[in-house]
C-alpha atoms as a PDB file:
ATOM      1  CA  MET A   1     107.881  87.009  63.385  1.00  0.00           C
ATOM      2  CA  LYS A   2     111.163  88.142  64.864  1.00  0.00           C
ATOM      3  CA  LYS A   3     111.249  90.255  67.955  1.00  0.00           C
ATOM      4  CA  THR A   4     114.170  92.598  68.054  1.00  0.00           C
ATOM      5  CA  CYS A   5     115.379  94.737  70.868  1.00  0.00           C
ATOM      6  CA  LYS A   6     117.649  97.738  70.505  1.00  0.00           C
ATOM      7  CA  ASP A   7     119.086  97.374  73.992  1.00  0.00           C
ATOM      8  CA  SER A   8     120.511  93.905  73.439  1.00  0.00           C
ATOM      9  CA  GLU A   9     123.912  95.552  72.928  1.00  0.00           C
ATOM     10  CA  LYS A  10     124.015  96.403  76.641  1.00  0.00           C
ATOM     11  CA  PHE A  11     124.695  92.803  77.602  1.00  0.00           C
ATOM     12  CA  SER A  12     128.297  91.677  77.530  1.00  0.00           C
ATOM     13  CA  ALA A  13     129.538  89.611  74.625  1.00  0.00           C
ATOM     14  CA  LYS A  14     130.652  86.864  76.979  1.00  0.00           C
ATOM     15  CA  LYS A  15     127.166  86.502  78.446  1.00  0.00           C
ATOM     16  CA  ILE A  16     125.598  86.449  74.997  1.00  0.00           C
ATOM     17  CA  LYS A  17     128.033  83.744  73.838  1.00  0.00           C
ATOM     18  CA  ASN A  18     127.303  81.634  76.911  1.00  0.00           C
ATOM     19  CA  VAL A  19     123.573  81.883  76.395  1.00  0.00           C
ATOM     20  CA  ALA A  20     123.905  81.408  72.613  1.00  0.00           C
ATOM     21  CA  LYS A  21     125.587  78.076  73.114  1.00  0.00           C
ATOM     22  CA  ARG A  22     122.496  76.779  74.832  1.00  0.00           C
ATOM     23  CA  VAL A  23     119.733  78.258  72.681  1.00  0.00           C
ATOM     24  CA  ASP A  24     119.168  79.507  69.177  1.00  0.00           C
ATOM     25  CA  LYS A  25     119.490  83.159  68.198  1.00  0.00           C
ATOM     26  CA  GLY A  26     115.777  83.933  67.900  1.00  0.00           C
ATOM     27  CA  PHE A  27     115.102  82.771  71.406  1.00  0.00           C
ATOM     28  CA  LEU A  28     118.166  84.684  72.588  1.00  0.00           C
ATOM     29  CA  ARG A  29     116.781  87.960  71.274  1.00  0.00           C
ATOM     30  CA  LEU A  30     113.422  87.267  72.853  1.00  0.00           C
ATOM     31  CA  TYR A  31     115.092  86.338  76.122  1.00  0.00           C
ATOM     32  CA  LEU A  32     117.230  89.481  76.164  1.00  0.00           C
ATOM     33  CA  CYS A  33     114.299  91.748  75.286  1.00  0.00           C
ATOM     34  CA  THR A  34     112.125  90.327  78.040  1.00  0.00           C
ATOM     35  CA  LYS A  35     115.009  90.532  80.494  1.00  0.00           C
ATOM     36  CA  ILE A  36     115.574  94.189  79.620  1.00  0.00           C
ATOM     37  CA  GLN A  37     111.876  94.976  79.904  1.00  0.00           C
ATOM     38  CA  LYS A  38     111.704  93.308  83.309  1.00  0.00           C
ATOM     39  CA  ASN A  39     114.729  95.272  84.449  1.00  0.00           C
ATOM     40  CA  ARG A  40     113.112  98.508  83.287  1.00  0.00           C
ATOM     41  CA  LYS A  41     109.867  97.687  85.096  1.00  0.00           C
ATOM     42  CA  MET A  42     111.745  96.860  88.272  1.00  0.00           C
ATOM     43  CA  ALA A  43     113.753 100.068  87.971  1.00  0.00           C
ATOM     44  CA  LYS A  44     110.551 102.087  87.618  1.00  0.00           C
ATOM     45  CA  GLU A  45     109.004 100.324  90.593  1.00  0.00           C
ATOM     46  CA  THR A  46     112.042 100.927  92.751  1.00  0.00           C
ATOM     47  CA  LYS A  47     112.071 104.566  91.711  1.00  0.00           C
ATOM     48  CA  LYS A  48     108.472 104.868  92.829  1.00  0.00           C
ATOM     49  CA  THR A  49     109.118 103.167  96.150  1.00  0.00           C
ATOM     50  CA  ASP A  50     112.456 104.881  96.739  1.00  0.00           C
ATOM     51  CA  LYS A  51     110.719 108.188  97.347  1.00  0.00           C
ATOM     52  CA  PRO A  52     110.249 108.464 101.082  1.00  0.00           C
ATOM     53  CA  GLN A  53     106.691 109.098 102.106  1.00  0.00           C
ATOM     54  CA  PRO A  54     106.413 112.471 103.801  1.00  0.00           C
ATOM     55  CA  MET A  55     105.999 111.656 107.457  1.00  0.00           C
ATOM     56  CA  MET A  56     104.076 114.123 109.483  1.00  0.00           C
ATOM     57  CA  PRO A  57     105.595 114.575 112.915  1.00  0.00           C
ATOM     58  CA  LEU A  58     102.125 114.999 114.410  1.00  0.00           C
ATOM     59  CA  GLY A  59      99.221 112.708 113.718  1.00  0.00           C
ATOM     60  CA  LYS A  60      95.479 113.226 113.641  1.00  0.00           C
ATOM     61  CA  VAL A  61      95.143 112.400 117.334  1.00  0.00           C
ATOM     62  CA  ASN A  62      97.718 115.068 118.214  1.00  0.00           C
ATOM     63  CA  PHE A  63      95.754 117.734 116.380  1.00  0.00           C
ATOM     64  CA  ILE A  64      92.509 116.698 118.075  1.00  0.00           C
ATOM     65  CA  LEU A  65      94.149 116.855 121.512  1.00  0.00           C
ATOM     66  CA  MET A  66      95.726 120.240 120.724  1.00  0.00           C
ATOM     67  CA  ALA A  67      92.350 121.577 119.585  1.00  0.00           C
ATOM     68  CA  ALA A  68      90.808 120.425 122.869  1.00  0.00           C
ATOM     69  CA  CYS A  69      93.581 122.195 124.799  1.00  0.00           C
ATOM     70  CA  MET A  70      93.074 125.372 122.782  1.00  0.00           C
ATOM     71  CA  LEU A  71      89.364 125.173 123.556  1.00  0.00           C
ATOM     72  CA  LEU A  72      90.164 124.933 127.284  1.00  0.00           C
ATOM     73  CA  ILE A  73      92.423 127.978 127.019  1.00  0.00           C
ATOM     74  CA  VAL A  74      89.787 130.015 125.163  1.00  0.00           C
ATOM     75  CA  ILE A  75      87.059 129.036 127.636  1.00  0.00           C
ATOM     76  CA  GLY A  76      89.340 129.974 130.537  1.00  0.00           C
ATOM     77  CA  LEU A  77      90.113 133.365 128.988  1.00  0.00           C
ATOM     78  CA  CYS A  78      86.423 134.018 128.304  1.00  0.00           C
ATOM     79  CA  LEU A  79      85.570 133.213 131.916  1.00  0.00           C
ATOM     80  CA  MET A  80      88.204 135.684 133.098  1.00  0.00           C
ATOM     81  CA  GLY A  81      86.768 138.398 130.899  1.00  0.00           C
ATOM     82  CA  GLY A  82      83.780 140.557 131.634  1.00  0.00           C
ATOM     83  CA  SER A  83      82.802 144.090 132.344  1.00  0.00           C
ATOM     84  CA  ALA A  84      85.052 146.226 134.501  1.00  0.00           C
ATOM     85  CA  ASN A  85      84.272 149.217 136.715  1.00  0.00           C
ATOM     86  CA  GLU A  86      82.066 151.658 134.925  1.00  0.00           C
ATOM     87  CA  GLY A  87      82.727 155.225 135.907  1.00  0.00           C
ATOM     88  CA  ASP A  88      81.719 155.984 139.536  1.00  0.00           C
ATOM     89  CA  THR A  89      80.150 152.585 140.273  1.00  0.00           C
ATOM     90  CA  PHE A  90      82.217 149.699 141.574  1.00  0.00           C
ATOM     91  CA  ASN A  91      81.582 146.295 139.986  1.00  0.00           C
ATOM     92  CA  TYR A  92      81.904 143.558 142.628  1.00  0.00           C
ATOM     93  CA  GLU A  93      81.849 140.836 139.986  1.00  0.00           C
ATOM     94  CA  ILE A  94      85.514 141.369 139.257  1.00  0.00           C
ATOM     95  CA  PHE A  95      86.219 139.387 142.441  1.00  0.00           C
ATOM     96  CA  SER A  96      83.885 136.484 141.644  1.00  0.00           C
ATOM     97  CA  SER A  97      85.305 132.974 141.915  1.00  0.00           C
ATOM     98  CA  THR A  98      84.623 132.402 138.229  1.00  0.00           C
ATOM     99  CA  ARG A  99      86.958 135.228 137.219  1.00  0.00           C
ATOM    100  CA  THR A 100      89.646 134.704 139.823  1.00  0.00           C
ATOM    101  CA  THR A 101      89.786 130.913 140.170  1.00  0.00           C
ATOM    102  CA  VAL A 102      87.883 128.874 137.578  1.00  0.00           C
ATOM    103  CA  GLY A 103      88.950 130.864 134.486  1.00  0.00           C
ATOM    104  CA  PRO A 104      92.679 130.945 135.278  1.00  0.00           C
ATOM    105  CA  MET A 105      92.660 127.270 136.307  1.00  0.00           C
ATOM    106  CA  LEU A 106      91.044 126.225 132.997  1.00  0.00           C
ATOM    107  CA  ALA A 107      93.510 128.333 131.004  1.00  0.00           C
ATOM    108  CA  LEU A 108      96.446 126.937 132.974  1.00  0.00           C
ATOM    109  CA  LEU A 109      95.131 123.378 132.524  1.00  0.00           C
ATOM    110  CA  GLY A 110      94.910 123.996 128.762  1.00  0.00           C
ATOM    111  CA  PHE A 111      98.516 125.208 128.652  1.00  0.00           C
ATOM    112  CA  VAL A 112      99.792 122.330 130.796  1.00  0.00           C
ATOM    113  CA  LEU A 113      97.966 119.673 128.757  1.00  0.00           C
ATOM    114  CA  MET A 114      99.262 121.134 125.478  1.00  0.00           C
ATOM    115  CA  ALA A 115     102.717 119.562 125.977  1.00  0.00           C
ATOM    116  CA  PRO A 116     101.430 115.972 126.360  1.00  0.00           C
ATOM    117  CA  ALA A 117      99.056 116.589 123.425  1.00  0.00           C
ATOM    118  CA  ILE A 118     102.020 117.453 121.219  1.00  0.00           C
ATOM    119  CA  LEU A 119     104.260 114.648 122.516  1.00  0.00           C
ATOM    120  CA  TYR A 120     101.588 111.921 122.344  1.00  0.00           C
ATOM    121  CA  ARG A 121     102.484 109.011 120.035  1.00  0.00           C
ATOM    122  CA  LYS A 122     100.097 106.348 118.861  1.00  0.00           C
ATOM    123  CA  LYS A 123     101.298 102.877 119.891  1.00  0.00           C
END
């Protein structure tokens, strides 16, 4: 059973003559066909690996840290919120330490920690 290969013409005549001197023609065809098939497989593999993997600039840890910072900001804003003066009555809770100190400090801490959360790189 002869194995033939259509792409054997792609090899140079000089190379075929050099190989033909050493081996018979049937083996030459088989050799060339397997060589071509290996080259095709390697070309396909290199095409698959040549595609650069999409690198995400931020990793999973960055998103977790940013979510924690956003949570701090939201908690700080919720602590600053509350009811205001209602009509003729004055609400003294607008001057509570929770609204004037703790809430803004948590929100500010969330904003300040957002930059390191974004810039953090896993070692």
